[in-house]
C-alpha cells in the first residue's frame, strides 16, 4: 500500500487518485485556496462536486492544514494544480522538506525561463526547489470525467529514468488505467502543452467550410498537418518526434480537438468570429489553455520566428494561430503553405 499526497483538488488532481484508490492506496487530497468549497464538500459528504463521484480512502484538507508529516509519509507527491497555480505550489512547497521524494505532475504547460527561452514546467519546479526531487510527468489523452467514472484511459508516465516511471506506474495501472512508460520528458511536455494550441485549428477546420453542408476532409487534412508541425517543434527542442506521433501528441490532440474549450474556440473562429468576440461572448469568463499559452509565450515565439529558429514555411498553422490570437485577426486555413 502506498500513500499519495495530492496537491490540488480540481478535476485532474482528483481524477488521478481514482485508479490509485481502486488499487488500495491511501490519499491525502490538498485543496488550493480556490478549492475550499470542494474540500468542504468532500469532508461532509465524500462527494467531489465537480466529478460527482464518491471519494474513498481519502483525507481531504485545505493547504493551511498541511503538516511536514504529510510529506514524510508520502510515497508519491502529485502536482495537480493548473499551470497558473504552479507559482502558488512553489511558494507552498518551500515551507516543507520533500527532499528525494518522487513527484508526479499532471499540470500541462510551458514557461519562459531565466534565459528567455521556452521551457517545460518540470524544469521550473526543479530549479525553484532548494533540494533534490524526482519528477515524472503524466501526458496523453486523459479526460478527467471519463477517468473518474473508471472508463478506459490510455496515458503516459514520462521520466528520463524509465525505472522510476515503471515504479510509479505500478501504483496506478489497472484494468481501466493503461500506462505507457517513456523517457522523452521534453518531447512529451511540449506535446502536452502545444496540442492545446493546435486543437484550436482542428476545431476551426470543423466549421470553416460548413455553411452549406458538413464536410470532413478538411479536418482530416488539418489534423495531419498539425501533428507534423508538432513533431517539427519537438525536434527543434531536442525531443523525440515519436512523442508527437504517439499518445502525448497525436493521441492527446485527437481528444482535445474533439472536446473541450480549445476545440470550441476554434469552431467559433472557423465561423468567422474574432478571438476577442468569442472570449467576450460565447466563452466569457473561461480560460482557453491554448490561447492563454500563446499569450504567455508571445514574446519568445515572436523572437523565434524573427531570428529563424521557427520558420513560417515549416510552421504555417502555428504562425497563423499566433496571429489570430494575438492580433485578433480572422482565422484562415493556410492550405497554400502546407
Protein backbone atom coordinates (compact mmCIF):
# COMPACT_ATOMS: atom_id res chain seq x y z
CA UNK A 1 0.00 0.00 0.00
CA UNK A 2 1.27 3.47 -0.90
CA UNK A 3 0.50 6.91 0.49
CA UNK A 4 -0.23 9.64 -2.07
CA UNK A 5 -0.12 13.34 -1.27
CA UNK A 6 -2.07 15.21 -3.96
CA UNK A 7 -1.72 19.00 -4.17
CA UNK A 8 -4.75 20.39 -5.98
CA UNK A 9 -8.31 19.13 -5.59
CA UNK A 10 -9.60 20.10 -9.02
CA UNK A 11 -10.82 17.57 -11.56
CA UNK A 12 -7.41 16.44 -12.83
CA UNK A 13 -5.73 16.25 -9.44
CA UNK A 14 -8.64 14.27 -8.03
CA UNK A 15 -9.29 12.06 -11.07
CA UNK A 16 -5.82 10.55 -10.99
CA UNK A 17 -6.49 9.33 -7.46
CA UNK A 18 -9.33 7.11 -8.73
CA UNK A 19 -7.12 4.29 -10.10
CA UNK A 20 -4.85 4.54 -7.06
CA UNK A 21 -7.84 4.21 -4.73
CA UNK A 22 -9.11 1.26 -6.76
CA UNK A 23 -5.70 -0.35 -6.20
CA UNK A 24 -6.00 0.05 -2.43
CA UNK A 25 -3.77 3.07 -1.80
CA UNK A 26 -4.41 5.94 0.64
CA UNK A 27 -4.80 9.55 -0.44
CA UNK A 28 -4.32 12.92 1.22
CA UNK A 29 -6.04 15.43 -1.06
CA UNK A 30 -4.93 19.03 -0.50
CA UNK A 31 -7.03 21.90 -1.76
CA UNK A 32 -5.61 25.16 -3.06
CA UNK A 33 -7.19 28.45 -1.91
CA UNK A 34 -9.55 28.06 -4.89
CA UNK A 35 -10.63 24.56 -3.78
CA UNK A 36 -12.13 25.35 -0.38
CA UNK A 37 -15.72 24.54 -1.40
CA UNK A 38 -14.56 21.26 -2.95
CA UNK A 39 -12.68 20.24 0.18
CA UNK A 40 -15.63 21.13 2.41
CA UNK A 41 -17.97 19.07 0.24
CA UNK A 42 -15.66 16.05 0.37
CA UNK A 43 -15.27 16.41 4.14
CA UNK A 44 -19.01 16.45 4.72
CA UNK A 45 -20.25 14.02 2.07
CA UNK A 46 -17.21 12.28 0.50
CA UNK A 47 -18.54 13.56 -2.85
CA UNK A 48 -16.39 15.59 -5.25
CA UNK A 49 -18.86 18.22 -6.53
CA UNK A 50 -17.29 18.65 -9.98
CA UNK A 51 -16.68 14.97 -10.72
CA UNK A 52 -19.84 13.82 -8.93
CA UNK A 53 -18.15 10.71 -7.55
CA UNK A 54 -17.68 9.33 -4.07
CA UNK A 55 -14.10 9.64 -2.83
CA UNK A 56 -12.90 6.68 -0.76
CA UNK A 57 -9.66 6.17 1.20
CA UNK A 58 -9.09 9.92 1.14
CA UNK A 59 -8.30 12.55 3.76
CA UNK A 60 -9.31 15.93 2.35
CA UNK A 61 -7.61 19.02 3.79
CA UNK A 62 -7.01 22.66 2.93
CA UNK A 63 -3.44 23.76 2.25
CA UNK A 64 -3.27 25.56 5.61
CA UNK A 65 -3.74 22.19 7.31
CA UNK A 66 -0.69 20.61 5.66
CA UNK A 67 1.99 19.28 8.00
CA UNK A 68 5.52 18.05 7.48
CA UNK A 69 4.31 14.60 8.44
CA UNK A 70 2.13 14.52 5.31
CA UNK A 71 5.28 14.84 3.21
CA UNK A 72 7.28 12.42 5.34
CA UNK A 73 4.85 9.54 4.85
CA UNK A 74 4.13 10.25 1.17
CA UNK A 75 5.44 7.73 -1.34
CA UNK A 76 4.33 9.95 -4.22
CA UNK A 77 3.52 13.67 -4.29
CA UNK A 78 1.13 14.57 -7.12
CA UNK A 79 1.18 18.11 -8.51
CA UNK A 80 -2.42 18.61 -9.57
CA UNK A 81 -2.71 22.39 -9.79
CA UNK A 82 -3.37 24.30 -13.01
CA UNK A 83 -0.46 25.84 -14.91
CA UNK A 84 -1.46 29.19 -13.42
CA UNK A 85 -1.14 27.63 -9.96
CA UNK A 86 2.48 26.48 -10.29
CA UNK A 87 3.89 29.61 -8.64
CA UNK A 88 1.49 29.11 -5.73
CA UNK A 89 2.63 25.48 -5.48
CA UNK A 90 6.29 26.55 -5.40
CA UNK A 91 5.59 29.03 -2.59
CA UNK A 92 3.82 26.26 -0.68
CA UNK A 93 6.42 23.53 -1.13
CA UNK A 94 9.25 25.76 0.10
CA UNK A 95 7.69 25.55 3.58
CA UNK A 96 8.30 21.81 3.74
CA UNK A 97 11.06 19.28 3.18
CA UNK A 98 10.32 16.81 0.39
CA UNK A 99 13.92 16.00 -0.46
CA UNK A 100 14.43 12.94 -2.68
CA UNK A 101 10.68 12.39 -2.97
CA UNK A 102 9.02 11.17 -6.16
CA UNK A 103 6.71 13.78 -7.71
CA UNK A 104 4.09 13.14 -10.38
CA UNK A 105 2.96 16.20 -12.35
CA UNK A 106 -0.35 16.26 -14.20
CA UNK A 107 -0.11 20.02 -14.88
CA UNK A 108 0.38 20.81 -18.57
CA UNK A 109 2.10 23.98 -19.72
CA UNK A 110 5.30 25.77 -20.71
CA UNK A 111 7.01 28.89 -19.41
CA UNK A 112 9.77 31.38 -20.24
CA UNK A 113 12.90 30.56 -18.24
CA UNK A 114 15.54 32.96 -16.89
CA UNK A 115 17.37 32.83 -20.22
CA UNK A 116 14.28 34.00 -22.09
CA UNK A 117 13.61 30.63 -23.70
CA UNK A 118 10.56 28.37 -23.74
CA UNK A 119 10.97 25.60 -21.18
CA UNK A 120 9.00 22.78 -19.56
CA UNK A 121 7.32 23.08 -16.15
CA UNK A 122 9.28 20.22 -14.50
CA UNK A 123 12.45 22.28 -15.05
CA UNK A 124 10.84 25.33 -13.43
CA UNK A 125 9.89 23.27 -10.39
CA UNK A 126 13.29 21.61 -10.05
CA UNK A 127 15.11 24.94 -10.37
CA UNK A 128 12.96 26.63 -7.73
CA UNK A 129 13.03 23.94 -5.04
CA UNK A 130 16.20 24.09 -2.89
CA UNK A 131 16.68 20.32 -2.68
CA UNK A 132 16.67 17.28 -4.95
CA UNK A 133 13.38 15.80 -6.14
CA UNK A 134 12.45 13.45 -8.96
CA UNK A 135 9.61 14.42 -11.32
CA UNK A 136 7.61 12.10 -13.55
CA UNK A 137 5.20 13.75 -16.00
CA UNK A 138 1.75 12.43 -16.89
CA UNK A 139 0.85 13.11 -20.51
CA UNK A 140 -1.56 11.74 -23.08
CA UNK A 141 -5.28 11.83 -23.90
CA UNK A 142 -6.85 11.77 -20.45
CA UNK A 143 -10.33 13.17 -19.85
CA UNK A 144 -10.80 13.66 -16.13
CA UNK A 145 -14.53 12.98 -16.17
CA UNK A 146 -14.00 9.69 -18.01
CA UNK A 147 -11.21 8.56 -15.69
CA UNK A 148 -13.33 9.45 -12.65
CA UNK A 149 -16.00 7.07 -13.98
CA UNK A 150 -13.34 4.37 -14.45
CA UNK A 151 -13.61 4.32 -18.21
CA UNK A 152 -10.61 3.03 -20.15
CA UNK A 153 -7.91 5.71 -20.12
CA UNK A 154 -4.61 5.38 -22.01
CA UNK A 155 -1.88 7.60 -20.60
CA UNK A 156 1.91 8.04 -20.40
CA UNK A 157 4.24 8.33 -17.41
CA UNK A 158 7.46 10.01 -18.56
CA UNK A 159 10.76 10.13 -16.69
CA UNK A 160 14.29 10.26 -18.06
CA UNK A 161 14.92 7.30 -15.75
CA UNK A 162 12.45 4.73 -17.08
CA UNK A 163 12.79 2.63 -13.92
CA UNK A 164 11.20 5.45 -11.89
CA UNK A 165 8.31 5.76 -14.36
CA UNK A 166 7.84 1.98 -14.23
CA UNK A 167 7.86 2.00 -10.42
CA UNK A 168 5.24 4.74 -10.16
CA UNK A 169 3.08 3.21 -12.86
CA UNK A 170 2.64 0.10 -10.73
CA UNK A 171 0.82 2.19 -8.11
CA UNK A 172 -1.78 3.41 -10.61
CA UNK A 173 -2.18 0.97 -13.50
CA UNK A 174 -5.10 -1.44 -13.60
CA UNK A 175 -7.78 -2.67 -15.98
CA UNK A 176 -9.04 0.86 -16.79
CA UNK A 177 -5.87 2.95 -16.35
CA UNK A 178 -3.46 1.81 -19.06
CA UNK A 179 0.01 3.33 -18.71
CA UNK A 180 2.83 3.51 -21.25
CA UNK A 181 6.19 4.50 -19.73
CA UNK A 182 8.53 6.72 -21.76
CA UNK A 183 11.77 8.70 -21.30
CA UNK A 184 11.23 11.73 -23.57
CA UNK A 185 10.32 14.33 -20.95
CA UNK A 186 10.98 17.33 -23.21
CA UNK A 187 9.01 16.00 -26.17
CA UNK A 188 6.17 14.76 -24.00
CA UNK A 189 5.77 18.06 -22.17
CA UNK A 190 5.92 20.16 -25.34
CA UNK A 191 3.24 17.93 -26.87
CA UNK A 192 1.10 18.14 -23.73
CA UNK A 193 1.08 21.94 -23.86
CA UNK A 194 1.13 22.71 -27.59
CA UNK A 195 -1.59 20.25 -28.55
CA UNK A 196 -3.95 22.76 -26.92
CA UNK A 197 -2.82 25.36 -29.45
CA UNK A 198 -3.16 23.09 -32.48
CA UNK A 199 -6.57 21.88 -31.26
CA UNK A 200 -7.84 25.40 -31.98
CA UNK A 201 -7.05 24.99 -35.68
CA UNK A 202 -8.54 21.50 -35.80
CA UNK A 203 -11.69 22.93 -34.25
CA UNK A 204 -11.68 25.70 -36.83
CA UNK A 205 -11.48 23.21 -39.67
CA UNK A 206 -14.66 21.57 -38.39
CA UNK A 207 -16.75 24.67 -39.14
CA UNK A 208 -14.75 26.68 -41.70
CA UNK A 209 -16.45 25.12 -44.75
CA UNK A 210 -19.77 24.08 -43.25
CA UNK A 211 -22.03 26.99 -44.17
CA UNK A 212 -23.99 24.74 -46.54
CA UNK A 213 -23.09 21.12 -45.84
CA UNK A 214 -20.93 19.30 -43.31
CA UNK A 215 -17.69 18.05 -44.88
CA UNK A 216 -14.97 16.08 -43.12
CA UNK A 217 -11.86 16.05 -45.31
CA UNK A 218 -10.54 19.47 -44.20
CA UNK A 219 -10.47 18.34 -40.59
CA UNK A 220 -8.53 15.19 -41.51
CA UNK A 221 -6.04 17.20 -43.52
CA UNK A 222 -5.53 19.86 -40.86
CA UNK A 223 -5.21 17.25 -38.12
CA UNK A 224 -2.42 15.54 -40.06
CA UNK A 225 -0.58 18.80 -40.70
CA UNK A 226 -0.93 19.85 -37.04
CA UNK A 227 0.77 16.64 -35.93
CA UNK A 228 3.59 17.27 -38.43
CA UNK A 229 4.13 20.78 -37.06
CA UNK A 230 4.03 19.47 -33.51
CA UNK A 231 6.72 16.93 -34.43
CA UNK A 232 8.81 19.69 -36.02
CA UNK A 233 8.70 21.80 -32.85
CA UNK A 234 9.53 18.80 -30.67
CA UNK A 235 12.57 18.06 -32.84
CA UNK A 236 13.74 21.68 -32.61
CA UNK A 237 13.50 21.43 -28.81
CA UNK A 238 15.68 18.26 -28.83
CA UNK A 239 12.77 15.97 -28.05
CA UNK A 240 11.87 12.75 -29.85
CA UNK A 241 9.44 13.10 -32.75
CA UNK A 242 7.93 9.75 -31.77
CA UNK A 243 6.27 11.62 -28.89
CA UNK A 244 4.38 13.78 -31.39
CA UNK A 245 3.12 10.71 -33.25
CA UNK A 246 2.23 8.83 -30.06
CA UNK A 247 -0.14 9.33 -27.13
CA UNK A 248 1.46 12.60 -25.89
CA UNK A 249 0.93 14.30 -29.26
CA UNK A 250 -1.41 12.72 -31.78
CA UNK A 251 -3.47 10.91 -29.15
CA UNK A 252 -3.95 13.94 -26.94
CA UNK A 253 -4.66 16.24 -29.91
CA UNK A 254 -7.41 13.89 -31.08
CA UNK A 255 -9.22 14.04 -27.74
CA UNK A 256 -8.64 17.74 -27.16
CA UNK A 257 -9.82 18.91 -30.58
CA UNK A 258 -12.98 16.83 -30.33
CA UNK A 259 -13.98 18.07 -26.89
CA UNK A 260 -13.02 20.93 -24.62
CA UNK A 261 -12.57 24.67 -24.80
CA UNK A 262 -9.68 24.74 -27.29
CA UNK A 263 -11.66 22.97 -30.00
CA UNK A 264 -14.74 25.02 -29.12
CA UNK A 265 -12.83 28.27 -29.57
CA UNK A 266 -11.61 27.00 -32.92
CA UNK A 267 -15.14 26.20 -34.06
CA UNK A 268 -16.25 29.77 -33.38
CA UNK A 269 -13.15 31.15 -35.13
CA UNK A 270 -13.92 28.89 -38.10
CA UNK A 271 -17.32 30.56 -38.35
CA UNK A 272 -15.56 33.87 -38.96
CA UNK A 273 -15.69 35.33 -35.46
CA UNK A 274 -12.74 37.15 -33.90
CA UNK A 275 -10.96 35.87 -30.80
CA UNK A 276 -12.00 38.96 -28.82
CA UNK A 277 -15.65 38.43 -29.77
CA UNK A 278 -15.69 34.80 -28.70
CA UNK A 279 -13.95 35.48 -25.38
CA UNK A 280 -16.36 38.32 -24.57
CA UNK A 281 -19.46 36.36 -25.55
CA UNK A 282 -19.62 32.57 -26.04
CA UNK A 283 -16.59 31.76 -23.85
CA UNK A 284 -16.81 34.73 -21.49
CA UNK A 285 -15.10 34.07 -18.17
CA UNK A 286 -13.47 30.84 -19.36
CA UNK A 287 -9.79 30.05 -19.80
CA UNK A 288 -8.80 28.53 -23.14
CA UNK A 289 -5.47 26.85 -22.44
CA UNK A 290 -4.13 27.04 -25.99
CA UNK A 291 -4.86 30.74 -26.36
CA UNK A 292 -3.50 31.51 -22.90
CA UNK A 293 -0.30 29.64 -23.72
CA UNK A 294 0.19 31.75 -26.85
CA UNK A 295 -0.11 34.92 -24.78
CA UNK A 296 2.22 33.55 -22.09
CA UNK A 297 4.90 32.70 -24.67
CA UNK A 298 4.17 35.55 -27.08
CA UNK A 299 7.47 37.43 -26.79
CA UNK A 300 9.66 34.37 -27.24
CA UNK A 301 7.52 33.00 -30.05
CA UNK A 302 7.79 36.26 -31.97
CA UNK A 303 11.56 36.29 -31.36
CA UNK A 304 11.90 32.72 -32.62
CA UNK A 305 10.07 33.48 -35.85
CA UNK A 306 12.13 36.64 -36.39
CA UNK A 307 15.54 35.03 -35.80
CA UNK A 308 14.71 31.95 -37.85
CA UNK A 309 14.58 29.42 -35.02
CA UNK A 310 10.97 28.88 -36.07
CA UNK A 311 10.29 29.02 -39.81
CA UNK A 312 6.92 30.18 -41.17
CA UNK A 313 7.32 27.74 -44.06
CA UNK A 314 7.68 24.81 -41.67
CA UNK A 315 5.09 26.04 -39.16
CA UNK A 316 2.36 27.86 -41.14
CA UNK A 317 -0.50 26.66 -38.92
CA UNK A 318 1.31 27.61 -35.73
CA UNK A 319 2.15 31.07 -37.10
CA UNK A 320 -1.43 31.60 -38.27
CA UNK A 321 -2.77 30.76 -34.81
CA UNK A 322 -0.35 33.15 -33.12
CA UNK A 323 -1.59 35.98 -35.35
CA UNK A 324 -5.26 35.03 -34.92
CA UNK A 325 -4.96 35.11 -31.13
CA UNK A 326 -2.52 37.98 -30.52
CA UNK A 327 -3.53 40.27 -33.41
CA UNK A 328 -7.25 39.40 -33.24
CA UNK A 329 -7.44 38.63 -36.96
CA UNK A 330 -9.91 36.35 -38.70
CA UNK A 331 -8.89 32.73 -38.99
CA UNK A 332 -7.77 31.46 -42.37
CA UNK A 333 -6.57 27.96 -43.15
CA UNK A 334 -3.22 28.33 -44.96
CA UNK A 335 -3.62 25.47 -47.43
CA UNK A 336 -1.27 27.06 -49.96
CA UNK A 337 1.53 26.97 -47.36
CA UNK A 338 1.03 23.39 -46.19
